[in-house]
Amino acid sequence: MIRVVFCRSNRMRSWIIRAITWSAWSHVALVDGDEAIEAVWPRVRVVPLSNVLEHYVAHEFADLPCDDPHAALQAARAQVGKRYDWKALVGFLLHRDWEDEQAWFCSELVAWAIHQAGKPLFRVSVLRRVTPQHLWMVSSEP
């Protein structure tokens, strides 16, 4: 299992993301001890977990199935510095597949990293379209 934090805020972009993705959550990040690995504007980054929790009005921790959490965290850390994939989010709204292979939004990074660790949660063909709600549905309470 790998620990993930699901978050939402009262900001307009959070409301829009939740509406487009039919999710109670607008953001998700991998938890590595007291750090979070997340894809946010403008780039994938590693920050203190406390920074993530302070930024959102609601959050909840959950565990996702993962055979090798260390490998998943390493895969995600290898993406640090890559761009945020805002075009893919617009693609959700327009039902288009506009993702950028060198950019990430939060939930696709989490799903991809777990896939790299050997236990895919989703089909390869949909990895780039995974929403926070999809991850929430396969999570378990800690």
C-alpha atoms as a PDB file:
ATOM      1  CA  MET A   1       0.000   0.000   0.000  1.00  0.00           C
ATOM      2  CA  ILE A   2       1.050   3.576  -0.626  1.00  0.00           C
ATOM      3  CA  ARG A   3      -0.254   6.597   1.290  1.00  0.00           C
ATOM      4  CA  VAL A   4      -2.000   9.371  -0.635  1.00  0.00           C
ATOM      5  CA  VAL A   5      -3.605  12.610   0.513  1.00  0.00           C
ATOM      6  CA  PHE A   6      -6.817  13.784  -1.158  1.00  0.00           C
ATOM      7  CA  CYS A   7      -7.584  17.517  -0.892  1.00  0.00           C
ATOM      8  CA  ARG A   8     -10.034  20.247  -1.846  1.00  0.00           C
ATOM      9  CA  SER A   9     -10.289  23.978  -1.338  1.00  0.00           C
ATOM     10  CA  ASN A  10     -12.935  26.652  -1.748  1.00  0.00           C
ATOM     11  CA  ARG A  11     -11.070  28.292  -4.623  1.00  0.00           C
ATOM     12  CA  MET A  12     -12.715  28.520  -8.033  1.00  0.00           C
ATOM     13  CA  ARG A  13     -10.230  26.138  -9.705  1.00  0.00           C
ATOM     14  CA  SER A  14     -10.979  23.494  -7.077  1.00  0.00           C
ATOM     15  CA  TRP A  15     -14.712  23.804  -7.756  1.00  0.00           C
ATOM     16  CA  ILE A  16     -14.100  23.577 -11.515  1.00  0.00           C
ATOM     17  CA  ILE A  17     -11.856  20.514 -11.232  1.00  0.00           C
ATOM     18  CA  ARG A  18     -14.364  18.777  -8.960  1.00  0.00           C
ATOM     19  CA  ALA A  19     -17.223  19.562 -11.342  1.00  0.00           C
ATOM     20  CA  ILE A  20     -15.338  18.388 -14.443  1.00  0.00           C
ATOM     21  CA  THR A  21     -14.082  15.189 -12.798  1.00  0.00           C
ATOM     22  CA  TRP A  22     -17.197  14.402 -10.730  1.00  0.00           C
ATOM     23  CA  SER A  23     -15.034  14.200  -7.635  1.00  0.00           C
ATOM     24  CA  ALA A  24     -15.255  15.326  -4.030  1.00  0.00           C
ATOM     25  CA  TRP A  25     -11.520  16.038  -4.337  1.00  0.00           C
ATOM     26  CA  SER A  26      -9.617  18.447  -6.563  1.00  0.00           C
ATOM     27  CA  HIS A  27      -6.072  17.418  -5.689  1.00  0.00           C
ATOM     28  CA  VAL A  28      -4.133  14.317  -4.741  1.00  0.00           C
ATOM     29  CA  ALA A  29      -0.490  13.863  -3.747  1.00  0.00           C
ATOM     30  CA  LEU A  30       1.760  10.959  -2.841  1.00  0.00           C
ATOM     31  CA  VAL A  31       2.911  10.957   0.775  1.00  0.00           C
ATOM     32  CA  ASP A  32       6.524  10.054   1.552  1.00  0.00           C
ATOM     33  CA  GLY A  33       7.036  10.434   5.283  1.00  0.00           C
ATOM     34  CA  ASP A  34       6.701  14.139   6.033  1.00  0.00           C
ATOM     35  CA  GLU A  35       6.925  15.114   2.347  1.00  0.00           C
ATOM     36  CA  ALA A  36       4.418  15.213  -0.497  1.00  0.00           C
ATOM     37  CA  ILE A  37       5.150  14.618  -4.170  1.00  0.00           C
ATOM     38  CA  GLU A  38       2.616  16.533  -6.223  1.00  0.00           C
ATOM     39  CA  ALA A  39       1.872  17.898  -9.661  1.00  0.00           C
ATOM     40  CA  VAL A  40       0.711  21.499  -9.300  1.00  0.00           C
ATOM     41  CA  TRP A  41       1.063  24.612 -11.397  1.00  0.00           C
ATOM     42  CA  PRO A  42       3.684  25.175 -12.726  1.00  0.00           C
ATOM     43  CA  ARG A  43       5.672  21.947 -12.080  1.00  0.00           C
ATOM     44  CA  VAL A  44       5.895  18.616 -10.288  1.00  0.00           C
ATOM     45  CA  ARG A  45       7.505  19.220  -6.907  1.00  0.00           C
ATOM     46  CA  VAL A  46       8.366  17.781  -3.506  1.00  0.00           C
ATOM     47  CA  VAL A  47       7.198  19.879  -0.556  1.00  0.00           C
ATOM     48  CA  PRO A  48       6.680  19.388   3.165  1.00  0.00           C
ATOM     49  CA  LEU A  49       3.382  17.572   3.700  1.00  0.00           C
ATOM     50  CA  SER A  50       2.378  20.349   6.097  1.00  0.00           C
ATOM     51  CA  ASN A  51       2.452  22.844   3.185  1.00  0.00           C
ATOM     52  CA  VAL A  52      -0.091  20.767   1.277  1.00  0.00           C
ATOM     53  CA  LEU A  53      -2.380  20.372   4.276  1.00  0.00           C
ATOM     54  CA  GLU A  54      -2.279  24.120   5.039  1.00  0.00           C
ATOM     55  CA  HIS A  55      -3.243  25.013   1.456  1.00  0.00           C
ATOM     56  CA  TYR A  56      -6.559  23.113   1.435  1.00  0.00           C
ATOM     57  CA  VAL A  57      -9.700  23.403   3.579  1.00  0.00           C
ATOM     58  CA  ALA A  58     -10.311  19.654   3.610  1.00  0.00           C
ATOM     59  CA  HIS A  59      -8.109  16.627   3.249  1.00  0.00           C
ATOM     60  CA  GLU A  60      -8.188  12.920   3.888  1.00  0.00           C
ATOM     61  CA  PHE A  61      -5.504  10.251   3.820  1.00  0.00           C
ATOM     62  CA  ALA A  62      -6.065   6.915   2.127  1.00  0.00           C
ATOM     63  CA  ASP A  63      -3.979   3.975   0.980  1.00  0.00           C
ATOM     64  CA  LEU A  64      -3.783   2.727  -2.591  1.00  0.00           C
ATOM     65  CA  PRO A  65      -2.720  -0.797  -3.563  1.00  0.00           C
ATOM     66  CA  CYS A  66       0.975  -0.835  -4.471  1.00  0.00           C
ATOM     67  CA  ASP A  67       3.371  -3.785  -4.459  1.00  0.00           C
ATOM     68  CA  ASP A  68       6.482  -1.604  -4.156  1.00  0.00           C
ATOM     69  CA  PRO A  69       5.802   1.821  -2.608  1.00  0.00           C
ATOM     70  CA  HIS A  70       9.499   2.715  -2.680  1.00  0.00           C
ATOM     71  CA  ALA A  71       9.632   2.180  -6.469  1.00  0.00           C
ATOM     72  CA  ALA A  72       6.467   4.250  -6.963  1.00  0.00           C
ATOM     73  CA  LEU A  73       7.879   7.112  -4.898  1.00  0.00           C
ATOM     74  CA  GLN A  74      11.167   6.958  -6.815  1.00  0.00           C
ATOM     75  CA  ALA A  75       9.282   7.057 -10.127  1.00  0.00           C
ATOM     76  CA  ALA A  76       7.304  10.105  -8.982  1.00  0.00           C
ATOM     77  CA  ARG A  77      10.432  11.857  -7.685  1.00  0.00           C
ATOM     78  CA  ALA A  78      12.062  11.320 -11.089  1.00  0.00           C
ATOM     79  CA  GLN A  79       9.317  13.540 -12.550  1.00  0.00           C
ATOM     80  CA  VAL A  80      10.126  16.518 -10.293  1.00  0.00           C
ATOM     81  CA  GLY A  81      10.560  19.633 -12.397  1.00  0.00           C
ATOM     82  CA  LYS A  82       8.337  18.474 -15.265  1.00  0.00           C
ATOM     83  CA  ARG A  83       5.527  20.817 -16.275  1.00  0.00           C
ATOM     84  CA  TYR A  84       1.954  20.773 -15.031  1.00  0.00           C
ATOM     85  CA  ASP A  85      -0.381  19.334 -17.678  1.00  0.00           C
ATOM     86  CA  TRP A  86      -3.077  22.019 -17.822  1.00  0.00           C
ATOM     87  CA  LYS A  87      -3.966  21.099 -21.433  1.00  0.00           C
ATOM     88  CA  ALA A  88      -5.131  17.663 -20.313  1.00  0.00           C
ATOM     89  CA  LEU A  89      -7.534  19.264 -17.833  1.00  0.00           C
ATOM     90  CA  VAL A  90      -9.009  21.408 -20.615  1.00  0.00           C
ATOM     91  CA  GLY A  91      -9.220  18.210 -22.659  1.00  0.00           C
ATOM     92  CA  PHE A  92     -11.403  16.650 -19.947  1.00  0.00           C
ATOM     93  CA  LEU A  93     -13.866  19.493 -20.316  1.00  0.00           C
ATOM     94  CA  LEU A  94     -13.951  19.194 -24.105  1.00  0.00           C
ATOM     95  CA  HIS A  95     -13.737  15.381 -24.157  1.00  0.00           C
ATOM     96  CA  ARG A  96     -10.420  15.514 -26.004  1.00  0.00           C
ATOM     97  CA  ASP A  97      -7.190  13.617 -25.404  1.00  0.00           C
ATOM     98  CA  TRP A  98      -4.715  16.510 -25.165  1.00  0.00           C
ATOM     99  CA  GLU A  99      -2.274  15.215 -22.585  1.00  0.00           C
ATOM    100  CA  ASP A 100       1.419  15.982 -22.866  1.00  0.00           C
ATOM    101  CA  GLU A 101       3.739  13.022 -22.305  1.00  0.00           C
ATOM    102  CA  GLN A 102       6.256  15.287 -20.560  1.00  0.00           C
ATOM    103  CA  ALA A 103       3.747  16.997 -18.255  1.00  0.00           C
ATOM    104  CA  TRP A 104       1.520  15.836 -15.395  1.00  0.00           C
ATOM    105  CA  PHE A 105      -1.587  16.700 -13.470  1.00  0.00           C
ATOM    106  CA  CYS A 106      -1.906  15.390  -9.931  1.00  0.00           C
ATOM    107  CA  SER A 107      -3.924  12.186 -10.280  1.00  0.00           C
ATOM    108  CA  GLU A 108      -2.262  10.999 -13.480  1.00  0.00           C
ATOM    109  CA  LEU A 109       1.146  11.292 -11.768  1.00  0.00           C
ATOM    110  CA  VAL A 110      -0.062   9.162  -8.848  1.00  0.00           C
ATOM    111  CA  ALA A 111      -1.604   6.492 -11.112  1.00  0.00           C
ATOM    112  CA  TRP A 112       1.461   6.412 -13.373  1.00  0.00           C
ATOM    113  CA  ALA A 113       3.905   6.114 -10.445  1.00  0.00           C
ATOM    114  CA  ILE A 114       1.982   3.154  -9.003  1.00  0.00           C
ATOM    115  CA  HIS A 115       1.912   1.574 -12.461  1.00  0.00           C
ATOM    116  CA  GLN A 116       5.716   1.936 -12.641  1.00  0.00           C
ATOM    117  CA  ALA A 117       5.977   0.006  -9.371  1.00  0.00           C
ATOM    118  CA  GLY A 118       4.426  -3.065 -10.969  1.00  0.00           C
ATOM    119  CA  LYS A 119       0.816  -3.022  -9.776  1.00  0.00           C
ATOM    120  CA  PRO A 120      -1.341  -1.159 -12.271  1.00  0.00           C
ATOM    121  CA  LEU A 121      -4.569   0.226 -10.883  1.00  0.00           C
ATOM    122  CA  PHE A 122      -5.906   1.072 -14.342  1.00  0.00           C
ATOM    123  CA  ARG A 123      -5.476   0.018 -17.948  1.00  0.00           C
ATOM    124  CA  VAL A 124      -2.466   1.569 -19.662  1.00  0.00           C
ATOM    125  CA  SER A 125      -4.750   3.250 -22.198  1.00  0.00           C
ATOM    126  CA  VAL A 126      -6.487   5.303 -19.489  1.00  0.00           C
ATOM    127  CA  LEU A 127      -3.567   6.131 -17.184  1.00  0.00           C
ATOM    128  CA  ARG A 128      -3.418   9.688 -18.521  1.00  0.00           C
ATOM    129  CA  ARG A 129      -7.129  10.273 -17.792  1.00  0.00           C
ATOM    130  CA  VAL A 130      -7.295   9.188 -14.145  1.00  0.00           C
ATOM    131  CA  THR A 131      -9.050  11.679 -11.876  1.00  0.00           C
ATOM    132  CA  PRO A 132      -8.920  12.104  -8.105  1.00  0.00           C
ATOM    133  CA  GLN A 133     -12.328  10.384  -7.995  1.00  0.00           C
ATOM    134  CA  HIS A 134     -10.965   7.291  -9.775  1.00  0.00           C
ATOM    135  CA  LEU A 135      -8.170   7.038  -7.210  1.00  0.00           C
ATOM    136  CA  TRP A 136     -10.611   7.595  -4.355  1.00  0.00           C
ATOM    137  CA  MET A 137     -12.743   4.692  -5.580  1.00  0.00           C
ATOM    138  CA  VAL A 138      -9.810   2.246  -5.414  1.00  0.00           C
ATOM    139  CA  SER A 139      -8.442   3.529  -2.121  1.00  0.00           C
ATOM    140  CA  SER A 140      -8.903   2.073   1.303  1.00  0.00           C
ATOM    141  CA  GLU A 141      -9.012   3.817   4.632  1.00  0.00           C
ATOM    142  CA  PRO A 142      -5.711   3.702   6.530  1.00  0.00           C
END
